[in-house]
Amino acid sequence: MKKVQSSIQRGAEYICTKIGDVVTAIEQVAVVKGLPMWEVERTIGAGIRKRLIVSARSLMPLQPEPSPA
């Protein structure tokens, strides 16, 4: 599998715009039409976790990165 460089970090938390929830990035699993696809995990309830695959484009950082001064 060819890895595509993206700003997604393994283990970091993101807002997934596709489901509107906070998810944790697990690993890049594929590239579809030039877009990296990531396996992410979200917590549903009391210790219940669900994994799904989304494009890196649908993952937004929880806090915006500080802009250079």
PDB file of N, CA and C in Angstrom:
ATOM      1  N   MET A   1       0.849  -1.193   0.000  1.00  0.00           N
ATOM      2  CA  MET A   1       0.000   0.000   0.000  1.00  0.00           C
ATOM      3  C   MET A   1       0.884   1.242   0.000  1.00  0.00           C
ATOM      4  N   LYS A   2       0.543   2.154  -0.834  1.00  0.00           N
ATOM      5  CA  LYS A   2       1.284   3.410  -0.911  1.00  0.00           C
ATOM      6  C   LYS A   2       0.742   4.380   0.134  1.00  0.00           C
ATOM      7  N   LYS A   3       1.643   4.910   0.951  1.00  0.00           N
ATOM      8  CA  LYS A   3       1.224   5.898   1.960  1.00  0.00           C
ATOM      9  C   LYS A   3       1.239   7.281   1.319  1.00  0.00           C
ATOM     10  N   VAL A   4       0.225   8.050   1.606  1.00  0.00           N
ATOM     11  CA  VAL A   4       0.153   9.429   1.146  1.00  0.00           C
ATOM     12  C   VAL A   4       0.411  10.308   2.356  1.00  0.00           C
ATOM     13  N   GLN A   5       1.320  11.255   2.226  1.00  0.00           N
ATOM     14  CA  GLN A   5       1.646  12.125   3.349  1.00  0.00           C
ATOM     15  C   GLN A   5       0.442  13.002   3.698  1.00  0.00           C
ATOM     16  N   SER A   6       0.037  12.954   4.948  1.00  0.00           N
ATOM     17  CA  SER A   6      -1.057  13.808   5.399  1.00  0.00           C
ATOM     18  C   SER A   6      -0.716  14.316   6.787  1.00  0.00           C
ATOM     19  N   SER A   7      -1.506  15.258   7.270  1.00  0.00           N
ATOM     20  CA  SER A   7      -1.226  15.856   8.569  1.00  0.00           C
ATOM     21  C   SER A   7      -1.888  15.079   9.706  1.00  0.00           C
ATOM     22  N   ILE A   8      -2.513  13.947   9.400  1.00  0.00           N
ATOM     23  CA  ILE A   8      -3.166  13.133  10.430  1.00  0.00           C
ATOM     24  C   ILE A   8      -2.095  12.384  11.224  1.00  0.00           C
ATOM     25  N   GLN A   9      -2.222  12.404  12.543  1.00  0.00           N
ATOM     26  CA  GLN A   9      -1.266  11.729  13.422  1.00  0.00           C
ATOM     27  C   GLN A   9      -1.938  10.532  14.086  1.00  0.00           C
ATOM     28  N   ARG A  10      -1.226   9.408  14.131  1.00  0.00           N
ATOM     29  CA  ARG A  10      -1.759   8.223  14.823  1.00  0.00           C
ATOM     30  C   ARG A  10      -1.970   8.533  16.299  1.00  0.00           C
ATOM     31  N   GLY A  11      -3.107   8.118  16.824  1.00  0.00           N
ATOM     32  CA  GLY A  11      -3.395   8.299  18.238  1.00  0.00           C
ATOM     33  C   GLY A  11      -3.960   9.661  18.603  1.00  0.00           C
ATOM     34  N   ALA A  12      -3.976  10.592  17.655  1.00  0.00           N
ATOM     35  CA  ALA A  12      -4.508  11.934  17.926  1.00  0.00           C
ATOM     36  C   ALA A  12      -6.024  11.930  17.764  1.00  0.00           C
ATOM     37  N   GLU A  13      -6.678  12.870  18.431  1.00  0.00           N
ATOM     38  CA  GLU A  13      -8.132  12.979  18.346  1.00  0.00           C
ATOM     39  C   GLU A  13      -8.524  14.059  17.344  1.00  0.00           C
ATOM     40  N   TYR A  14      -9.586  13.773  16.603  1.00  0.00           N
ATOM     41  CA  TYR A  14     -10.091  14.680  15.574  1.00  0.00           C
ATOM     42  C   TYR A  14     -11.610  14.711  15.631  1.00  0.00           C
ATOM     43  N   ILE A  15     -12.177  15.779  15.081  1.00  0.00           N
ATOM     44  CA  ILE A  15     -13.618  15.829  14.843  1.00  0.00           C
ATOM     45  C   ILE A  15     -13.828  15.224  13.463  1.00  0.00           C
ATOM     46  N   CYS A  16     -14.681  14.223  13.387  1.00  0.00           N
ATOM     47  CA  CYS A  16     -15.005  13.617  12.097  1.00  0.00           C
ATOM     48  C   CYS A  16     -16.247  14.319  11.561  1.00  0.00           C
ATOM     49  N   THR A  17     -16.086  15.080  10.491  1.00  0.00           N
ATOM     50  CA  THR A  17     -17.207  15.837   9.940  1.00  0.00           C
ATOM     51  C   THR A  17     -18.273  14.916   9.356  1.00  0.00           C
ATOM     52  N   LYS A  18     -17.903  13.697   9.015  1.00  0.00           N
ATOM     53  CA  LYS A  18     -18.847  12.743   8.439  1.00  0.00           C
ATOM     54  C   LYS A  18     -19.900  12.297   9.463  1.00  0.00           C
ATOM     55  N   ILE A  19     -19.472  12.105  10.730  1.00  0.00           N
ATOM     56  CA  ILE A  19     -20.399  11.641  11.763  1.00  0.00           C
ATOM     57  C   ILE A  19     -20.636  12.675  12.856  1.00  0.00           C
ATOM     58  N   GLY A  20     -19.861  13.768  12.852  1.00  0.00           N
ATOM     59  CA  GLY A  20     -20.051  14.832  13.833  1.00  0.00           C
ATOM     60  C   GLY A  20     -19.657  14.424  15.240  1.00  0.00           C
ATOM     61  N   ASP A  21     -18.616  13.589  15.354  1.00  0.00           N
ATOM     62  CA  ASP A  21     -18.200  13.093  16.660  1.00  0.00           C
ATOM     63  C   ASP A  21     -16.676  13.113  16.751  1.00  0.00           C
ATOM     64  N   VAL A  22     -16.165  13.025  17.980  1.00  0.00           N
ATOM     65  CA  VAL A  22     -14.717  12.976  18.195  1.00  0.00           C
ATOM     66  C   VAL A  22     -14.252  11.540  17.996  1.00  0.00           C
ATOM     67  N   VAL A  23     -13.182  11.380  17.216  1.00  0.00           N
ATOM     68  CA  VAL A  23     -12.626  10.061  16.941  1.00  0.00           C
ATOM     69  C   VAL A  23     -11.120  10.079  17.188  1.00  0.00           C
ATOM     70  N   THR A  24     -10.542   8.908  17.370  1.00  0.00           N
ATOM     71  CA  THR A  24      -9.095   8.754  17.514  1.00  0.00           C
ATOM     72  C   THR A  24      -8.567   8.076  16.265  1.00  0.00           C
ATOM     73  N   ALA A  25      -7.534   8.650  15.642  1.00  0.00           N
ATOM     74  CA  ALA A  25      -6.942   8.069  14.443  1.00  0.00           C
ATOM     75  C   ALA A  25      -6.137   6.827  14.826  1.00  0.00           C
ATOM     76  N   ILE A  26      -6.375   5.714  14.138  1.00  0.00           N
ATOM     77  CA  ILE A  26      -5.672   4.468  14.406  1.00  0.00           C
ATOM     78  C   ILE A  26      -4.521   4.302  13.409  1.00  0.00           C
ATOM     79  N   GLU A  27      -4.842   4.176  12.123  1.00  0.00           N
ATOM     80  CA  GLU A  27      -3.800   4.077  11.107  1.00  0.00           C
ATOM     81  C   GLU A  27      -4.379   4.304   9.720  1.00  0.00           C
ATOM     82  N   GLN A  28      -3.484   4.673   8.795  1.00  0.00           N
ATOM     83  CA  GLN A  28      -3.904   4.829   7.402  1.00  0.00           C
ATOM     84  C   GLN A  28      -4.005   3.437   6.803  1.00  0.00           C
ATOM     85  N   VAL A  29      -5.146   3.128   6.207  1.00  0.00           N
ATOM     86  CA  VAL A  29      -5.376   1.775   5.716  1.00  0.00           C
ATOM     87  C   VAL A  29      -5.439   1.668   4.194  1.00  0.00           C
ATOM     88  N   ALA A  30      -5.644   2.762   3.503  1.00  0.00           N
ATOM     89  CA  ALA A  30      -5.772   2.700   2.050  1.00  0.00           C
ATOM     90  C   ALA A  30      -5.630   4.092   1.452  1.00  0.00           C
ATOM     91  N   VAL A  31      -5.551   4.115   0.123  1.00  0.00           N
ATOM     92  CA  VAL A  31      -5.605   5.368  -0.625  1.00  0.00           C
ATOM     93  C   VAL A  31      -6.655   5.181  -1.713  1.00  0.00           C
ATOM     94  N   VAL A  32      -7.673   6.037  -1.716  1.00  0.00           N
ATOM     95  CA  VAL A  32      -8.746   5.949  -2.694  1.00  0.00           C
ATOM     96  C   VAL A  32      -8.789   7.260  -3.463  1.00  0.00           C
ATOM     97  N   LYS A  33      -8.576   7.172  -4.767  1.00  0.00           N
ATOM     98  CA  LYS A  33      -8.571   8.358  -5.635  1.00  0.00           C
ATOM     99  C   LYS A  33      -7.628   9.431  -5.105  1.00  0.00           C
ATOM    100  N   GLY A  34      -6.477   9.009  -4.619  1.00  0.00           N
ATOM    101  CA  GLY A  34      -5.462   9.948  -4.144  1.00  0.00           C
ATOM    102  C   GLY A  34      -5.667  10.447  -2.730  1.00  0.00           C
ATOM    103  N   LEU A  35      -6.785  10.061  -2.083  1.00  0.00           N
ATOM    104  CA  LEU A  35      -7.055  10.505  -0.716  1.00  0.00           C
ATOM    105  C   LEU A  35      -6.691   9.407   0.274  1.00  0.00           C
ATOM    106  N   PRO A  36      -5.915   9.741   1.309  1.00  0.00           N
ATOM    107  CA  PRO A  36      -5.627   8.733   2.326  1.00  0.00           C
ATOM    108  C   PRO A  36      -6.882   8.407   3.131  1.00  0.00           C
ATOM    109  N   MET A  37      -7.097   7.131   3.351  1.00  0.00           N
ATOM    110  CA  MET A  37      -8.235   6.652   4.138  1.00  0.00           C
ATOM    111  C   MET A  37      -7.707   6.170   5.482  1.00  0.00           C
ATOM    112  N   TRP A  38      -8.348   6.612   6.554  1.00  0.00           N
ATOM    113  CA  TRP A  38      -7.897   6.290   7.906  1.00  0.00           C
ATOM    114  C   TRP A  38      -8.918   5.456   8.650  1.00  0.00           C
ATOM    115  N   GLU A  39      -8.406   4.470   9.393  1.00  0.00           N
ATOM    116  CA  GLU A  39      -9.248   3.749  10.337  1.00  0.00           C
ATOM    117  C   GLU A  39      -9.277   4.589  11.603  1.00  0.00           C
ATOM    118  N   VAL A  40     -10.467   4.899  12.080  1.00  0.00           N
ATOM    119  CA  VAL A  40     -10.623   5.711  13.289  1.00  0.00           C
ATOM    120  C   VAL A  40     -11.513   4.963  14.267  1.00  0.00           C
ATOM    121  N   GLU A  41     -11.445   5.367  15.518  1.00  0.00           N
ATOM    122  CA  GLU A  41     -12.231   4.716  16.551  1.00  0.00           C
ATOM    123  C   GLU A  41     -12.971   5.776  17.341  1.00  0.00           C
ATOM    124  N   ARG A  42     -14.243   5.525  17.618  1.00  0.00           N
ATOM    125  CA  ARG A  42     -14.998   6.447  18.458  1.00  0.00           C
ATOM    126  C   ARG A  42     -15.603   5.678  19.614  1.00  0.00           C
ATOM    127  N   THR A  43     -15.778   6.372  20.732  1.00  0.00           N
ATOM    128  CA  THR A  43     -16.391   5.767  21.906  1.00  0.00           C
ATOM    129  C   THR A  43     -17.875   6.096  21.881  1.00  0.00           C
ATOM    130  N   ILE A  44     -18.700   5.062  21.926  1.00  0.00           N
ATOM    131  CA  ILE A  44     -20.149   5.243  21.831  1.00  0.00           C
ATOM    132  C   ILE A  44     -20.772   5.412  23.206  1.00  0.00           C
ATOM    133  N   GLY A  45     -20.403   4.554  24.128  1.00  0.00           N
ATOM    134  CA  GLY A  45     -21.007   4.603  25.466  1.00  0.00           C
ATOM    135  C   GLY A  45     -20.026   4.089  26.491  1.00  0.00           C
ATOM    136  N   ALA A  46     -20.507   3.368  27.456  1.00  0.00           N
ATOM    137  CA  ALA A  46     -19.687   2.867  28.561  1.00  0.00           C
ATOM    138  C   ALA A  46     -18.670   1.844  28.053  1.00  0.00           C
ATOM    139  N   GLY A  47     -17.555   2.340  27.542  1.00  0.00           N
ATOM    140  CA  GLY A  47     -16.489   1.455  27.089  1.00  0.00           C
ATOM    141  C   GLY A  47     -16.725   0.810  25.741  1.00  0.00           C
ATOM    142  N   ILE A  48     -17.832   1.125  25.080  1.00  0.00           N
ATOM    143  CA  ILE A  48     -18.111   0.540  23.765  1.00  0.00           C
ATOM    144  C   ILE A  48     -17.424   1.399  22.711  1.00  0.00           C
ATOM    145  N   ARG A  49     -16.629   0.744  21.868  1.00  0.00           N
ATOM    146  CA  ARG A  49     -15.910   1.482  20.830  1.00  0.00           C
ATOM    147  C   ARG A  49     -16.263   0.921  19.463  1.00  0.00           C
ATOM    148  N   LYS A  50     -16.289   1.800  18.487  1.00  0.00           N
ATOM    149  CA  LYS A  50     -16.617   1.395  17.126  1.00  0.00           C
ATOM    150  C   LYS A  50     -15.541   1.941  16.202  1.00  0.00           C
ATOM    151  N   ARG A  51     -15.086   1.106  15.299  1.00  0.00           N
ATOM    152  CA  ARG A  51     -14.086   1.536  14.319  1.00  0.00           C
ATOM    153  C   ARG A  51     -14.739   1.703  12.955  1.00  0.00           C
ATOM    154  N   LEU A  52     -14.299   2.714  12.226  1.00  0.00           N
ATOM    155  CA  LEU A  52     -14.784   2.940  10.879  1.00  0.00           C
ATOM    156  C   LEU A  52     -13.667   3.545  10.050  1.00  0.00           C
ATOM    157  N   ILE A  53     -13.841   3.552   8.754  1.00  0.00           N
ATOM    158  CA  ILE A  53     -12.834   4.079   7.848  1.00  0.00           C
ATOM    159  C   ILE A  53     -13.392   5.318   7.173  1.00  0.00           C
ATOM    160  N   VAL A  54     -12.620   6.413   7.265  1.00  0.00           N
ATOM    161  CA  VAL A  54     -13.037   7.694   6.689  1.00  0.00           C
ATOM    162  C   VAL A  54     -11.860   8.301   5.942  1.00  0.00           C
ATOM    163  N   SER A  55     -12.129   9.249   5.071  1.00  0.00           N
ATOM    164  CA  SER A  55     -11.042   9.928   4.363  1.00  0.00           C
ATOM    165  C   SER A  55     -10.398  10.959   5.286  1.00  0.00           C
ATOM    166  N   ALA A  56      -9.123  11.200   5.053  1.00  0.00           N
ATOM    167  CA  ALA A  56      -8.388  12.174   5.872  1.00  0.00           C
ATOM    168  C   ALA A  56      -9.030  13.557   5.769  1.00  0.00           C
ATOM    169  N   ARG A  57      -9.688  13.834   4.646  1.00  0.00           N
ATOM    170  CA  ARG A  57     -10.327  15.139   4.447  1.00  0.00           C
ATOM    171  C   ARG A  57     -11.459  15.392   5.445  1.00  0.00           C
ATOM    172  N   SER A  58     -12.083  14.312   5.939  1.00  0.00           N
ATOM    173  CA  SER A  58     -13.199  14.488   6.877  1.00  0.00           C
ATOM    174  C   SER A  58     -12.747  14.608   8.330  1.00  0.00           C
ATOM    175  N   LEU A  59     -11.432  14.578   8.582  1.00  0.00           N
ATOM    176  CA  LEU A  59     -10.906  14.691   9.943  1.00  0.00           C
ATOM    177  C   LEU A  59     -10.371  16.096  10.181  1.00  0.00           C
ATOM    178  N   MET A  60     -10.935  16.775  11.170  1.00  0.00           N
ATOM    179  CA  MET A  60     -10.509  18.132  11.506  1.00  0.00           C
ATOM    180  C   MET A  60      -9.895  18.128  12.906  1.00  0.00           C
ATOM    181  N   PRO A  61      -8.777  18.854  13.104  1.00  0.00           N
ATOM    182  CA  PRO A  61      -8.164  18.904  14.434  1.00  0.00           C
ATOM    183  C   PRO A  61      -9.121  19.507  15.463  1.00  0.00           C
ATOM    184  N   LEU A  62      -9.019  19.053  16.714  1.00  0.00           N
ATOM    185  CA  LEU A  62      -9.870  19.587  17.772  1.00  0.00           C
ATOM    186  C   LEU A  62      -9.561  21.062  18.029  1.00  0.00           C
ATOM    187  N   GLN A  63      -8.267  21.405  18.046  1.00  0.00           N
ATOM    188  CA  GLN A  63      -7.875  22.820  18.201  1.00  0.00           C
ATOM    189  C   GLN A  63      -7.143  23.234  16.929  1.00  0.00           C
ATOM    190  N   PRO A  64      -7.421  24.420  16.444  1.00  0.00           N
ATOM    191  CA  PRO A  64      -6.687  24.890  15.273  1.00  0.00           C
ATOM    192  C   PRO A  64      -5.207  25.058  15.627  1.00  0.00           C
ATOM    193  N   GLU A  65      -4.346  24.726  14.663  1.00  0.00           N
ATOM    194  CA  GLU A  65      -2.912  24.884  14.910  1.00  0.00           C
ATOM    195  C   GLU A  65      -2.588  26.365  15.012  1.00  0.00           C
ATOM    196  N   PRO A  66      -1.670  26.714  15.937  1.00  0.00           N
ATOM    197  CA  PRO A  66      -1.322  28.131  16.085  1.00  0.00           C
ATOM    198  C   PRO A  66      -0.670  28.666  14.819  1.00  0.00           C
ATOM    199  N   SER A  67      -1.101  29.850  14.412  1.00  0.00           N
ATOM    200  CA  SER A  67      -0.527  30.450  13.223  1.00  0.00           C
ATOM    201  C   SER A  67       0.808  31.111  13.561  1.00  0.00           C
ATOM    202  N   PRO A  68       1.762  31.050  12.646  1.00  0.00           N
ATOM    203  CA  PRO A  68       3.071  31.669  12.926  1.00  0.00           C
ATOM    204  C   PRO A  68       2.936  33.185  13.074  1.00  0.00           C
ATOM    205  N   ALA A  69       3.665  33.732  14.003  1.00  0.00           N
ATOM    206  CA  ALA A  69       3.567  35.183  14.285  1.00  0.00           C
ATOM    207  C   ALA A  69       4.327  36.001  13.279  1.00  0.00           C
TER     208      ALA A  69
END
